[in-house]
């Protein structure tokens, strides 16, 4: 099981997907956790999640951690498949609760009441690719996979 979880290739593509997905998700997490980039910070985000969106406190807390800290872990390529699966579930949840009603397109021109789902389709595509094939080149998963395989062969 461990071998399958951490197994990956030396693919440059997976490295690029991992770095870009982490690079896009981290600023959103930093808004929620630290208040960076014009965000509301932890307290403001938790109030929004629990009172406006209606999420349980624990779920809101996990969303913030997944976006802020999970993206840093993804950058390192550790537990890529677990994070990718988590990001798939998160993106689906965000789409269903907050964006599906606004259609496909982002609100580039400010002429619709909210943002559409196109950003999350890209997020999902990148996450699905990482779930299927792992973290790729220069990932902690690549190193762990090698260590696990060597240990299995030494017994």
N, C-alpha and C. Protein backbone atom coordinates (compact mmCIF):
# COMPACT_ATOMS: atom_id res chain seq x y z
N UNK A 1 0.82 -1.20 0.00
CA UNK A 1 0.00 0.00 0.00
C UNK A 1 0.87 1.27 0.00
N UNK A 2 1.89 1.27 0.88
CA UNK A 2 2.79 2.42 0.94
C UNK A 2 3.48 2.65 -0.40
N UNK A 3 3.85 1.54 -1.05
CA UNK A 3 4.54 1.66 -2.33
C UNK A 3 3.64 2.35 -3.34
N UNK A 4 2.39 1.94 -3.43
CA UNK A 4 1.44 2.55 -4.37
C UNK A 4 1.18 4.02 -4.04
N UNK A 5 1.11 4.34 -2.76
CA UNK A 5 0.80 5.70 -2.32
C UNK A 5 1.89 6.69 -2.72
N UNK A 6 3.15 6.30 -2.58
CA UNK A 6 4.25 7.21 -2.84
C UNK A 6 4.90 7.01 -4.21
N UNK A 7 4.52 5.95 -4.91
CA UNK A 7 5.13 5.66 -6.20
C UNK A 7 4.86 6.78 -7.21
N UNK A 8 5.90 7.15 -7.94
CA UNK A 8 5.77 8.17 -8.96
C UNK A 8 6.85 7.97 -10.01
N UNK A 9 6.80 8.75 -11.02
CA UNK A 9 7.80 8.69 -12.09
C UNK A 9 8.79 9.84 -11.91
N UNK A 10 9.72 9.94 -12.84
CA UNK A 10 10.64 11.09 -12.85
C UNK A 10 10.15 12.15 -13.82
N UNK A 11 8.86 12.24 -13.97
CA UNK A 11 8.24 13.12 -14.95
C UNK A 11 8.41 14.60 -14.61
N UNK A 12 8.84 15.36 -15.60
CA UNK A 12 8.88 16.82 -15.47
C UNK A 12 7.46 17.38 -15.44
N UNK A 13 6.56 16.71 -16.14
CA UNK A 13 5.17 17.18 -16.20
C UNK A 13 4.54 17.21 -14.81
N UNK A 14 4.76 16.13 -14.04
CA UNK A 14 4.19 16.08 -12.69
C UNK A 14 4.81 17.14 -11.80
N UNK A 15 6.10 17.39 -11.98
CA UNK A 15 6.75 18.46 -11.22
C UNK A 15 6.09 19.80 -11.53
N UNK A 16 5.88 20.08 -12.80
CA UNK A 16 5.26 21.34 -13.21
C UNK A 16 3.84 21.45 -12.66
N UNK A 17 3.06 20.38 -12.78
CA UNK A 17 1.69 20.38 -12.25
C UNK A 17 1.69 20.64 -10.75
N UNK A 18 2.57 19.96 -10.05
CA UNK A 18 2.65 20.09 -8.59
C UNK A 18 3.02 21.51 -8.18
N UNK A 19 4.03 22.07 -8.81
CA UNK A 19 4.48 23.41 -8.45
C UNK A 19 3.43 24.47 -8.78
N UNK A 20 2.79 24.33 -9.94
CA UNK A 20 1.78 25.32 -10.32
C UNK A 20 0.53 25.22 -9.46
N UNK A 21 0.08 24.00 -9.18
CA UNK A 21 -1.10 23.85 -8.34
C UNK A 21 -0.83 24.41 -6.94
N UNK A 22 0.31 24.08 -6.38
CA UNK A 22 0.67 24.61 -5.06
C UNK A 22 0.79 26.14 -5.11
N UNK A 23 1.36 26.64 -6.20
CA UNK A 23 1.53 28.08 -6.35
C UNK A 23 0.23 28.84 -6.50
N UNK A 24 -0.79 28.19 -7.02
CA UNK A 24 -2.10 28.83 -7.17
C UNK A 24 -2.92 28.71 -5.88
N UNK A 25 -2.82 27.59 -5.21
CA UNK A 25 -3.63 27.38 -4.02
C UNK A 25 -3.05 28.12 -2.81
N UNK A 26 -1.72 28.19 -2.70
CA UNK A 26 -1.13 28.83 -1.52
C UNK A 26 -1.62 30.25 -1.26
N UNK A 27 -1.67 31.13 -2.26
CA UNK A 27 -2.15 32.49 -1.96
C UNK A 27 -3.57 32.52 -1.38
N UNK A 28 -4.41 31.61 -1.84
CA UNK A 28 -5.78 31.53 -1.30
C UNK A 28 -5.74 31.09 0.17
N UNK A 29 -4.88 30.11 0.46
CA UNK A 29 -4.73 29.67 1.85
C UNK A 29 -4.11 30.76 2.72
N UNK A 30 -3.14 31.51 2.16
CA UNK A 30 -2.51 32.60 2.91
C UNK A 30 -3.51 33.71 3.21
N UNK A 31 -4.44 33.95 2.30
CA UNK A 31 -5.51 34.91 2.57
C UNK A 31 -6.33 34.46 3.77
N UNK A 32 -6.66 33.18 3.77
CA UNK A 32 -7.52 32.65 4.82
C UNK A 32 -6.82 32.51 6.16
N UNK A 33 -5.56 32.10 6.16
CA UNK A 33 -4.86 31.85 7.41
C UNK A 33 -4.19 33.11 7.98
N UNK A 34 -3.52 33.86 7.11
CA UNK A 34 -2.71 34.99 7.58
C UNK A 34 -3.29 36.37 7.26
N UNK A 35 -4.28 36.42 6.40
CA UNK A 35 -4.82 37.71 5.98
C UNK A 35 -3.97 38.38 4.90
N UNK A 36 -3.06 37.63 4.31
CA UNK A 36 -2.22 38.17 3.24
C UNK A 36 -3.05 38.36 1.97
N UNK A 37 -2.54 39.15 1.05
CA UNK A 37 -3.14 39.36 -0.27
C UNK A 37 -4.59 39.83 -0.18
N UNK A 38 -4.88 40.63 0.82
CA UNK A 38 -6.22 41.17 0.96
C UNK A 38 -7.23 40.24 1.60
N UNK A 39 -6.77 39.15 2.19
CA UNK A 39 -7.68 38.20 2.82
C UNK A 39 -8.15 38.65 4.19
N UNK A 40 -9.04 37.87 4.78
CA UNK A 40 -9.65 38.21 6.07
C UNK A 40 -8.93 37.57 7.25
N UNK A 41 -7.94 36.75 6.99
CA UNK A 41 -7.23 36.08 8.07
C UNK A 41 -8.06 34.96 8.66
N UNK A 42 -7.48 34.30 9.65
CA UNK A 42 -8.11 33.11 10.22
C UNK A 42 -9.48 33.41 10.82
N UNK A 43 -9.56 34.40 11.69
CA UNK A 43 -10.82 34.69 12.37
C UNK A 43 -11.93 35.08 11.39
N UNK A 44 -11.62 36.01 10.50
CA UNK A 44 -12.61 36.46 9.53
C UNK A 44 -13.08 35.35 8.62
N UNK A 45 -12.15 34.50 8.22
CA UNK A 45 -12.50 33.38 7.34
C UNK A 45 -13.36 32.36 8.08
N UNK A 46 -13.02 32.09 9.32
CA UNK A 46 -13.81 31.14 10.10
C UNK A 46 -15.23 31.66 10.32
N UNK A 47 -15.38 32.96 10.56
CA UNK A 47 -16.72 33.54 10.71
C UNK A 47 -17.49 33.37 9.40
N UNK A 48 -16.83 33.64 8.28
CA UNK A 48 -17.48 33.49 6.97
C UNK A 48 -17.89 32.03 6.75
N UNK A 49 -16.96 31.11 6.98
CA UNK A 49 -17.26 29.69 6.76
C UNK A 49 -18.40 29.20 7.64
N UNK A 50 -18.38 29.55 8.91
CA UNK A 50 -19.37 28.99 9.84
C UNK A 50 -20.71 29.72 9.79
N UNK A 51 -20.68 31.06 9.66
CA UNK A 51 -21.93 31.81 9.72
C UNK A 51 -22.56 32.06 8.35
N UNK A 52 -21.76 32.32 7.33
CA UNK A 52 -22.32 32.61 6.00
C UNK A 52 -22.51 31.35 5.18
N UNK A 53 -21.46 30.54 5.09
CA UNK A 53 -21.53 29.31 4.28
C UNK A 53 -22.21 28.19 5.04
N UNK A 54 -22.12 28.20 6.38
CA UNK A 54 -22.76 27.17 7.19
C UNK A 54 -21.92 25.93 7.39
N UNK A 55 -20.61 26.04 7.20
CA UNK A 55 -19.73 24.88 7.41
C UNK A 55 -19.54 24.64 8.91
N UNK A 56 -19.40 23.39 9.30
CA UNK A 56 -19.00 23.13 10.68
C UNK A 56 -17.60 23.71 10.92
N UNK A 57 -17.31 24.11 12.16
CA UNK A 57 -16.05 24.74 12.50
C UNK A 57 -14.86 23.88 12.06
N UNK A 58 -14.90 22.58 12.35
CA UNK A 58 -13.79 21.69 12.02
C UNK A 58 -13.54 21.65 10.52
N UNK A 59 -14.59 21.61 9.72
CA UNK A 59 -14.43 21.57 8.27
C UNK A 59 -13.81 22.86 7.74
N UNK A 60 -14.25 23.99 8.26
CA UNK A 60 -13.65 25.27 7.89
C UNK A 60 -12.18 25.32 8.24
N UNK A 61 -11.84 24.84 9.43
CA UNK A 61 -10.46 24.80 9.88
C UNK A 61 -9.61 23.92 8.95
N UNK A 62 -10.15 22.76 8.58
CA UNK A 62 -9.42 21.85 7.68
C UNK A 62 -9.23 22.46 6.29
N UNK A 63 -10.20 23.20 5.80
CA UNK A 63 -10.07 23.88 4.50
C UNK A 63 -8.91 24.87 4.56
N UNK A 64 -8.85 25.65 5.62
CA UNK A 64 -7.77 26.63 5.76
C UNK A 64 -6.41 25.95 5.81
N UNK A 65 -6.30 24.89 6.61
CA UNK A 65 -5.03 24.17 6.70
C UNK A 65 -4.65 23.52 5.38
N UNK A 66 -5.61 22.94 4.71
CA UNK A 66 -5.34 22.27 3.43
C UNK A 66 -4.84 23.26 2.39
N UNK A 67 -5.45 24.42 2.33
CA UNK A 67 -5.01 25.40 1.34
C UNK A 67 -3.67 26.04 1.73
N UNK A 68 -3.50 26.42 2.98
CA UNK A 68 -2.28 27.14 3.39
C UNK A 68 -1.10 26.21 3.58
N UNK A 69 -1.26 25.22 4.42
CA UNK A 69 -0.13 24.34 4.73
C UNK A 69 -0.02 23.17 3.75
N UNK A 70 -1.16 22.66 3.30
CA UNK A 70 -1.13 21.56 2.33
C UNK A 70 -0.43 21.95 1.04
N UNK A 71 -0.58 23.19 0.63
CA UNK A 71 0.07 23.63 -0.61
C UNK A 71 1.60 23.66 -0.44
N UNK A 72 2.08 23.96 0.76
CA UNK A 72 3.53 23.94 1.00
C UNK A 72 4.03 22.50 0.97
N UNK A 73 3.27 21.59 1.56
CA UNK A 73 3.63 20.18 1.54
C UNK A 73 3.59 19.65 0.10
N UNK A 74 2.60 20.08 -0.67
CA UNK A 74 2.51 19.69 -2.08
C UNK A 74 3.72 20.21 -2.85
N UNK A 75 4.14 21.40 -2.56
CA UNK A 75 5.32 21.97 -3.21
C UNK A 75 6.52 21.05 -3.04
N UNK A 76 6.66 20.47 -1.87
CA UNK A 76 7.76 19.53 -1.60
C UNK A 76 7.51 18.16 -2.22
N UNK A 77 6.29 17.91 -2.64
CA UNK A 77 5.97 16.63 -3.25
C UNK A 77 5.82 15.50 -2.25
N UNK A 78 5.39 15.83 -1.04
CA UNK A 78 5.17 14.81 -0.02
C UNK A 78 3.69 14.47 0.05
N UNK A 79 3.38 13.18 0.01
CA UNK A 79 1.99 12.70 0.07
C UNK A 79 1.15 13.34 -1.04
N UNK A 80 1.72 13.41 -2.21
CA UNK A 80 1.07 14.09 -3.34
C UNK A 80 -0.30 13.51 -3.63
N UNK A 81 -0.41 12.20 -3.66
CA UNK A 81 -1.69 11.58 -3.99
C UNK A 81 -2.76 11.89 -2.93
N UNK A 82 -2.38 11.89 -1.67
CA UNK A 82 -3.33 12.21 -0.59
C UNK A 82 -3.79 13.66 -0.72
N UNK A 83 -2.84 14.56 -0.94
CA UNK A 83 -3.19 15.97 -1.10
C UNK A 83 -4.04 16.18 -2.36
N UNK A 84 -3.68 15.52 -3.44
CA UNK A 84 -4.46 15.66 -4.68
C UNK A 84 -5.90 15.20 -4.46
N UNK A 85 -6.08 14.07 -3.79
CA UNK A 85 -7.44 13.59 -3.50
C UNK A 85 -8.19 14.60 -2.62
N UNK A 86 -7.49 15.17 -1.65
CA UNK A 86 -8.10 16.18 -0.77
C UNK A 86 -8.48 17.42 -1.56
N UNK A 87 -7.62 17.84 -2.49
CA UNK A 87 -7.91 19.02 -3.31
C UNK A 87 -9.07 18.75 -4.28
N UNK A 88 -9.21 17.53 -4.73
CA UNK A 88 -10.36 17.18 -5.58
C UNK A 88 -11.65 17.36 -4.78
N UNK A 89 -11.68 16.79 -3.58
CA UNK A 89 -12.87 16.92 -2.74
C UNK A 89 -13.14 18.39 -2.39
N UNK A 90 -12.08 19.12 -2.08
CA UNK A 90 -12.24 20.54 -1.74
C UNK A 90 -12.80 21.34 -2.91
N UNK A 91 -12.24 21.12 -4.09
CA UNK A 91 -12.72 21.86 -5.27
C UNK A 91 -14.18 21.54 -5.57
N UNK A 92 -14.55 20.28 -5.46
CA UNK A 92 -15.95 19.90 -5.69
C UNK A 92 -16.85 20.58 -4.67
N UNK A 93 -16.43 20.59 -3.41
CA UNK A 93 -17.21 21.25 -2.36
C UNK A 93 -17.35 22.74 -2.61
N UNK A 94 -16.25 23.39 -3.02
CA UNK A 94 -16.31 24.82 -3.29
C UNK A 94 -17.23 25.12 -4.46
N UNK A 95 -17.13 24.32 -5.50
CA UNK A 95 -17.99 24.51 -6.68
C UNK A 95 -19.45 24.38 -6.30
N UNK A 96 -19.78 23.32 -5.58
CA UNK A 96 -21.18 23.06 -5.23
C UNK A 96 -21.74 24.15 -4.30
N UNK A 97 -20.95 24.56 -3.30
CA UNK A 97 -21.47 25.50 -2.32
C UNK A 97 -21.42 26.96 -2.76
N UNK A 98 -20.50 27.31 -3.67
CA UNK A 98 -20.27 28.73 -3.91
C UNK A 98 -20.20 29.20 -5.35
N UNK A 99 -20.02 28.32 -6.32
CA UNK A 99 -19.74 28.81 -7.67
C UNK A 99 -20.63 28.24 -8.78
N UNK A 100 -21.20 27.10 -8.59
CA UNK A 100 -21.97 26.45 -9.66
C UNK A 100 -23.12 27.33 -10.16
N UNK A 101 -23.76 28.04 -9.26
CA UNK A 101 -24.91 28.87 -9.64
C UNK A 101 -24.52 30.04 -10.55
N UNK A 102 -23.22 30.35 -10.66
CA UNK A 102 -22.80 31.47 -11.51
C UNK A 102 -22.31 31.03 -12.88
N UNK A 103 -22.45 29.76 -13.19
CA UNK A 103 -22.10 29.28 -14.52
C UNK A 103 -20.63 28.94 -14.69
N UNK A 104 -20.19 28.95 -15.92
CA UNK A 104 -18.84 28.51 -16.26
C UNK A 104 -17.79 29.59 -16.06
N UNK A 105 -18.04 30.78 -16.56
CA UNK A 105 -16.99 31.79 -16.67
C UNK A 105 -16.69 32.52 -15.37
N UNK A 106 -15.42 32.88 -15.21
CA UNK A 106 -15.02 33.77 -14.13
C UNK A 106 -15.68 35.13 -14.38
N UNK A 107 -15.73 35.94 -13.38
CA UNK A 107 -16.39 37.24 -13.49
C UNK A 107 -15.38 38.33 -13.88
N UNK A 108 -14.75 38.14 -15.02
CA UNK A 108 -13.68 39.04 -15.47
C UNK A 108 -14.14 40.49 -15.62
N UNK A 109 -15.36 40.68 -16.04
CA UNK A 109 -15.84 42.04 -16.34
C UNK A 109 -16.78 42.60 -15.29
N UNK A 110 -16.99 41.86 -14.21
CA UNK A 110 -17.85 42.35 -13.14
C UNK A 110 -19.31 42.42 -13.51
N UNK A 111 -19.74 41.66 -14.50
CA UNK A 111 -21.12 41.73 -14.96
C UNK A 111 -21.98 40.55 -14.52
N UNK A 112 -21.49 39.76 -13.60
CA UNK A 112 -22.30 38.68 -13.05
C UNK A 112 -22.16 38.71 -11.53
N UNK A 113 -23.09 38.13 -10.80
CA UNK A 113 -23.08 38.27 -9.35
C UNK A 113 -21.98 37.48 -8.63
N UNK A 114 -21.28 36.57 -9.31
CA UNK A 114 -20.23 35.78 -8.67
C UNK A 114 -19.33 35.14 -9.71
N UNK A 115 -18.37 34.38 -9.22
CA UNK A 115 -17.40 33.71 -10.09
C UNK A 115 -17.92 32.35 -10.53
N UNK A 116 -17.69 32.02 -11.79
CA UNK A 116 -18.06 30.71 -12.33
C UNK A 116 -17.07 29.64 -11.94
N UNK A 117 -17.16 28.49 -12.60
CA UNK A 117 -16.40 27.30 -12.18
C UNK A 117 -15.14 27.04 -13.00
N UNK A 118 -14.80 27.86 -13.97
CA UNK A 118 -13.68 27.52 -14.85
C UNK A 118 -12.37 27.34 -14.11
N UNK A 119 -12.08 28.17 -13.12
CA UNK A 119 -10.86 28.04 -12.32
C UNK A 119 -10.80 26.67 -11.66
N UNK A 120 -11.93 26.21 -11.14
CA UNK A 120 -11.96 24.94 -10.41
C UNK A 120 -11.88 23.74 -11.34
N UNK A 121 -12.28 23.89 -12.57
CA UNK A 121 -12.09 22.82 -13.55
C UNK A 121 -10.59 22.60 -13.78
N UNK A 122 -9.84 23.67 -13.88
CA UNK A 122 -8.39 23.56 -14.01
C UNK A 122 -7.78 22.94 -12.75
N UNK A 123 -8.21 23.41 -11.59
CA UNK A 123 -7.76 22.88 -10.31
C UNK A 123 -8.02 21.37 -10.26
N UNK A 124 -9.24 20.96 -10.65
CA UNK A 124 -9.59 19.53 -10.66
C UNK A 124 -8.72 18.74 -11.63
N UNK A 125 -8.51 19.27 -12.82
CA UNK A 125 -7.71 18.57 -13.81
C UNK A 125 -6.29 18.34 -13.32
N UNK A 126 -5.69 19.35 -12.73
CA UNK A 126 -4.34 19.21 -12.20
C UNK A 126 -4.30 18.21 -11.04
N UNK A 127 -5.29 18.28 -10.18
CA UNK A 127 -5.34 17.37 -9.03
C UNK A 127 -5.56 15.93 -9.46
N UNK A 128 -6.42 15.71 -10.43
CA UNK A 128 -6.67 14.36 -10.92
C UNK A 128 -5.40 13.78 -11.54
N UNK A 129 -4.69 14.58 -12.32
CA UNK A 129 -3.43 14.12 -12.93
C UNK A 129 -2.42 13.73 -11.85
N UNK A 130 -2.32 14.53 -10.79
CA UNK A 130 -1.38 14.21 -9.70
C UNK A 130 -1.84 12.99 -8.90
N UNK A 131 -3.13 12.84 -8.72
CA UNK A 131 -3.66 11.66 -8.03
C UNK A 131 -3.29 10.40 -8.81
N UNK A 132 -3.43 10.45 -10.11
CA UNK A 132 -3.17 9.27 -10.94
C UNK A 132 -1.69 8.93 -11.07
N UNK A 133 -0.82 9.95 -11.08
CA UNK A 133 0.58 9.65 -11.41
C UNK A 133 1.61 10.11 -10.39
N UNK A 134 1.20 10.76 -9.32
CA UNK A 134 2.13 11.12 -8.26
C UNK A 134 2.85 12.43 -8.49
N UNK A 135 3.82 12.70 -7.62
CA UNK A 135 4.49 13.99 -7.57
C UNK A 135 5.56 14.23 -8.61
N UNK A 136 6.09 13.18 -9.22
CA UNK A 136 7.08 13.36 -10.26
C UNK A 136 8.47 13.69 -9.76
N UNK A 137 9.25 14.26 -10.64
CA UNK A 137 10.65 14.60 -10.40
C UNK A 137 10.79 15.53 -9.20
N UNK A 138 11.85 15.34 -8.45
CA UNK A 138 12.20 16.17 -7.28
C UNK A 138 11.11 16.20 -6.22
N UNK A 139 10.39 15.11 -6.08
CA UNK A 139 9.36 15.06 -5.04
C UNK A 139 9.85 14.20 -3.87
N UNK A 140 9.38 14.54 -2.69
CA UNK A 140 9.67 13.70 -1.53
C UNK A 140 9.11 12.31 -1.74
N UNK A 141 8.00 12.20 -2.44
CA UNK A 141 7.40 10.90 -2.74
C UNK A 141 8.36 10.02 -3.53
N UNK A 142 9.06 10.61 -4.48
CA UNK A 142 10.02 9.86 -5.30
C UNK A 142 11.10 9.25 -4.40
N UNK A 143 11.61 10.05 -3.48
CA UNK A 143 12.63 9.58 -2.55
C UNK A 143 12.04 8.49 -1.64
N UNK A 144 10.87 8.72 -1.07
CA UNK A 144 10.24 7.75 -0.17
C UNK A 144 9.93 6.45 -0.88
N UNK A 145 9.49 6.53 -2.11
CA UNK A 145 9.20 5.34 -2.90
C UNK A 145 10.46 4.49 -3.05
N UNK A 146 11.57 5.15 -3.31
CA UNK A 146 12.85 4.44 -3.47
C UNK A 146 13.23 3.77 -2.14
N UNK A 147 13.11 4.48 -1.03
CA UNK A 147 13.44 3.94 0.29
C UNK A 147 12.55 2.75 0.63
N UNK A 148 11.25 2.88 0.40
CA UNK A 148 10.29 1.81 0.69
C UNK A 148 10.61 0.57 -0.14
N UNK A 149 10.91 0.78 -1.41
CA UNK A 149 11.24 -0.34 -2.31
C UNK A 149 12.52 -1.03 -1.85
N UNK A 150 13.52 -0.27 -1.48
CA UNK A 150 14.78 -0.85 -1.00
C UNK A 150 14.56 -1.64 0.28
N UNK A 151 13.74 -1.13 1.20
CA UNK A 151 13.44 -1.84 2.45
C UNK A 151 12.71 -3.14 2.17
N UNK A 152 11.77 -3.10 1.23
CA UNK A 152 11.00 -4.30 0.90
C UNK A 152 11.90 -5.38 0.32
N UNK A 153 12.90 -4.97 -0.46
CA UNK A 153 13.80 -5.94 -1.09
C UNK A 153 14.85 -6.48 -0.10
N UNK A 154 15.07 -5.76 0.99
CA UNK A 154 16.09 -6.21 1.95
C UNK A 154 15.55 -7.25 2.92
N UNK A 155 14.21 -7.43 2.96
CA UNK A 155 13.63 -8.43 3.87
C UNK A 155 13.57 -9.76 3.23
